[in-house]
Amino acid sequence: MPECIFCQIVAGQTKTEFLYQDQDLVVFADISPKAPVHLLIVPCRHIKSINELESKDQALVGRIFLVARQMAQKTGVAESGYKLIFNVGRGGGQLVDHLHLHLLGGKRFKE
């Protein structure tokens, strides 16, 4: 999807620094952080949102969560706690139409 900013980031067309990268996922800092640690875990393959997931994506979704755990440990928020958030659709707060998981930590969140 050439017009998708996350596809452009995955393709290396921006100056985005990856904190993690493998054949399926990339992780980078959110440009408008809502917490001291605010990372985005993004599949390399374009998937618009959770609503577009198929049964073939089960392993990828599992890897997203395992990488989130790894990044929480790497950034030092695993012990203090962190949030994982998927926004789905505009009404759910999704601003970029490419599946991504937010990892937020480094501060105490309200319940």
C-alpha atoms as a PDB file:
ATOM      1  CA  MET A   1       0.000   0.000   0.000  1.00  0.00           C
ATOM      2  CA  PRO A   2       2.123   2.918  -1.224  1.00  0.00           C
ATOM      3  CA  GLU A   3      -0.026   5.580   0.485  1.00  0.00           C
ATOM      4  CA  CYS A   4       0.184   3.885   3.919  1.00  0.00           C
ATOM      5  CA  ILE A   5       2.741   5.622   6.154  1.00  0.00           C
ATOM      6  CA  PHE A   6       3.435   2.416   8.085  1.00  0.00           C
ATOM      7  CA  CYS A   7       4.083   0.538   4.825  1.00  0.00           C
ATOM      8  CA  GLN A   8       6.507   3.324   3.883  1.00  0.00           C
ATOM      9  CA  ILE A   9       8.225   3.007   7.271  1.00  0.00           C
ATOM     10  CA  VAL A  10       8.494  -0.785   6.926  1.00  0.00           C
ATOM     11  CA  ALA A  11       9.952  -0.354   3.427  1.00  0.00           C
ATOM     12  CA  GLY A  12      12.671   1.960   4.763  1.00  0.00           C
ATOM     13  CA  GLN A  13      11.354   5.020   2.927  1.00  0.00           C
ATOM     14  CA  THR A  14      11.506   7.177   6.067  1.00  0.00           C
ATOM     15  CA  LYS A  15      14.210   7.944   8.616  1.00  0.00           C
ATOM     16  CA  THR A  16      12.489   5.849  11.273  1.00  0.00           C
ATOM     17  CA  GLU A  17      14.751   4.054  13.732  1.00  0.00           C
ATOM     18  CA  PHE A  18      13.670   0.489  14.423  1.00  0.00           C
ATOM     19  CA  LEU A  19      14.050  -0.735  17.979  1.00  0.00           C
ATOM     20  CA  TYR A  20      13.241  -4.243  16.735  1.00  0.00           C
ATOM     21  CA  GLN A  21      12.935  -5.769  13.284  1.00  0.00           C
ATOM     22  CA  ASP A  22      12.418  -9.245  11.898  1.00  0.00           C
ATOM     23  CA  GLN A  23      10.777 -10.698   8.788  1.00  0.00           C
ATOM     24  CA  ASP A  24       7.258 -10.141  10.193  1.00  0.00           C
ATOM     25  CA  LEU A  25       7.364  -7.131  12.526  1.00  0.00           C
ATOM     26  CA  VAL A  26       9.001  -3.790  13.204  1.00  0.00           C
ATOM     27  CA  VAL A  27       8.950  -1.722  16.390  1.00  0.00           C
ATOM     28  CA  PHE A  28       9.523   2.001  16.581  1.00  0.00           C
ATOM     29  CA  ALA A  29       8.713   4.926  18.863  1.00  0.00           C
ATOM     30  CA  ASP A  30       5.421   6.762  18.422  1.00  0.00           C
ATOM     31  CA  ILE A  31       5.980  10.293  17.091  1.00  0.00           C
ATOM     32  CA  SER A  32       3.324  11.651  19.491  1.00  0.00           C
ATOM     33  CA  PRO A  33       4.062   9.719  22.685  1.00  0.00           C
ATOM     34  CA  LYS A  34       1.374   9.489  25.374  1.00  0.00           C
ATOM     35  CA  ALA A  35       3.799   8.029  27.938  1.00  0.00           C
ATOM     36  CA  PRO A  36       7.574   8.019  28.560  1.00  0.00           C
ATOM     37  CA  VAL A  37       7.684   4.707  26.676  1.00  0.00           C
ATOM     38  CA  HIS A  38       5.305   4.626  23.700  1.00  0.00           C
ATOM     39  CA  LEU A  39       6.194   2.081  21.056  1.00  0.00           C
ATOM     40  CA  LEU A  40       4.320   0.826  18.014  1.00  0.00           C
ATOM     41  CA  ILE A  41       4.543  -2.841  17.077  1.00  0.00           C
ATOM     42  CA  VAL A  42       3.674  -3.085  13.395  1.00  0.00           C
ATOM     43  CA  PRO A  43       3.347  -6.063  11.047  1.00  0.00           C
ATOM     44  CA  CYS A  44       5.414  -5.738   7.873  1.00  0.00           C
ATOM     45  CA  ARG A  45       2.489  -7.017   5.814  1.00  0.00           C
ATOM     46  CA  HIS A  46      -0.312  -4.508   5.353  1.00  0.00           C
ATOM     47  CA  ILE A  47      -3.373  -5.474   7.370  1.00  0.00           C
ATOM     48  CA  LYS A  48      -5.845  -2.616   7.769  1.00  0.00           C
ATOM     49  CA  SER A  49      -7.063  -3.470  11.292  1.00  0.00           C
ATOM     50  CA  ILE A  50      -8.132  -6.257  13.594  1.00  0.00           C
ATOM     51  CA  ASN A  51     -11.328  -6.407  11.533  1.00  0.00           C
ATOM     52  CA  GLU A  52      -9.261  -7.613   8.564  1.00  0.00           C
ATOM     53  CA  LEU A  53      -7.499 -10.462  10.398  1.00  0.00           C
ATOM     54  CA  GLU A  54      -7.965 -13.982   9.054  1.00  0.00           C
ATOM     55  CA  SER A  55      -7.328 -17.361  10.645  1.00  0.00           C
ATOM     56  CA  LYS A  56      -3.970 -17.514   8.790  1.00  0.00           C
ATOM     57  CA  ASP A  57      -2.858 -14.529  10.924  1.00  0.00           C
ATOM     58  CA  GLN A  58      -3.020 -16.362  14.275  1.00  0.00           C
ATOM     59  CA  ALA A  59       0.729 -16.904  14.502  1.00  0.00           C
ATOM     60  CA  LEU A  60       1.435 -13.284  13.581  1.00  0.00           C
ATOM     61  CA  VAL A  61      -0.891 -11.993  16.298  1.00  0.00           C
ATOM     62  CA  GLY A  62       0.827 -14.238  18.832  1.00  0.00           C
ATOM     63  CA  ARG A  63       4.223 -12.920  17.741  1.00  0.00           C
ATOM     64  CA  ILE A  64       2.993  -9.340  18.171  1.00  0.00           C
ATOM     65  CA  PHE A  65       2.319 -10.058  21.846  1.00  0.00           C
ATOM     66  CA  LEU A  66       5.616 -11.888  22.373  1.00  0.00           C
ATOM     67  CA  VAL A  67       7.545  -9.009  20.822  1.00  0.00           C
ATOM     68  CA  ALA A  68       5.571  -6.593  23.024  1.00  0.00           C
ATOM     69  CA  ARG A  69       6.705  -8.528  26.081  1.00  0.00           C
ATOM     70  CA  GLN A  70      10.305  -8.477  24.828  1.00  0.00           C
ATOM     71  CA  MET A  71      10.158  -4.715  24.198  1.00  0.00           C
ATOM     72  CA  ALA A  72       8.656  -4.080  27.655  1.00  0.00           C
ATOM     73  CA  GLN A  73      11.613  -5.917  29.154  1.00  0.00           C
ATOM     74  CA  LYS A  74      14.110  -4.101  26.915  1.00  0.00           C
ATOM     75  CA  THR A  75      12.705  -0.657  27.807  1.00  0.00           C
ATOM     76  CA  GLY A  76      12.511  -1.403  31.533  1.00  0.00           C
ATOM     77  CA  VAL A  77       8.740  -1.246  31.989  1.00  0.00           C
ATOM     78  CA  ALA A  78       8.012  -4.960  32.333  1.00  0.00           C
ATOM     79  CA  GLU A  79       8.189  -4.936  36.131  1.00  0.00           C
ATOM     80  CA  SER A  80       6.482  -1.593  36.767  1.00  0.00           C
ATOM     81  CA  GLY A  81       3.659  -2.303  34.318  1.00  0.00           C
ATOM     82  CA  TYR A  82       2.528  -1.199  30.892  1.00  0.00           C
ATOM     83  CA  LYS A  83      -0.498  -1.014  28.616  1.00  0.00           C
ATOM     84  CA  LEU A  84      -1.046  -2.749  25.304  1.00  0.00           C
ATOM     85  CA  ILE A  85      -3.673  -1.124  23.088  1.00  0.00           C
ATOM     86  CA  PHE A  86      -5.158  -1.939  19.699  1.00  0.00           C
ATOM     87  CA  ASN A  87      -7.344   0.853  18.313  1.00  0.00           C
ATOM     88  CA  VAL A  88      -9.821  -0.374  15.686  1.00  0.00           C
ATOM     89  CA  GLY A  89     -11.437   2.003  13.195  1.00  0.00           C
ATOM     90  CA  ARG A  90     -11.824   5.753  13.477  1.00  0.00           C
ATOM     91  CA  GLY A  91     -14.432   5.404  16.232  1.00  0.00           C
ATOM     92  CA  GLY A  92     -11.931   3.342  18.204  1.00  0.00           C
ATOM     93  CA  GLY A  93      -9.152   5.892  17.798  1.00  0.00           C
ATOM     94  CA  GLN A  94      -7.236   4.249  14.934  1.00  0.00           C
ATOM     95  CA  LEU A  95      -5.469   7.023  13.013  1.00  0.00           C
ATOM     96  CA  VAL A  96      -3.362   4.899  10.632  1.00  0.00           C
ATOM     97  CA  ASP A  97      -5.116   2.181   8.640  1.00  0.00           C
ATOM     98  CA  HIS A  98      -2.442  -0.436   9.287  1.00  0.00           C
ATOM     99  CA  LEU A  99      -2.698  -2.867  12.185  1.00  0.00           C
ATOM    100  CA  HIS A 100      -0.462  -1.842  15.080  1.00  0.00           C
ATOM    101  CA  LEU A 101      -0.181  -2.413  18.807  1.00  0.00           C
ATOM    102  CA  HIS A 102       0.659   0.454  21.154  1.00  0.00           C
ATOM    103  CA  LEU A 103       2.946  -0.342  24.110  1.00  0.00           C
ATOM    104  CA  LEU A 104       2.794   2.404  26.746  1.00  0.00           C
ATOM    105  CA  GLY A 105       4.731   2.474  29.989  1.00  0.00           C
ATOM    106  CA  GLY A 106       6.913   4.459  32.315  1.00  0.00           C
ATOM    107  CA  LYS A 107       4.098   6.121  34.222  1.00  0.00           C
ATOM    108  CA  ARG A 108       1.167   5.112  36.365  1.00  0.00           C
ATOM    109  CA  PHE A 109      -2.072   4.943  34.409  1.00  0.00           C
ATOM    110  CA  LYS A 110      -5.542   5.664  35.740  1.00  0.00           C
ATOM    111  CA  GLU A 111      -7.931   2.745  35.806  1.00  0.00           C
END
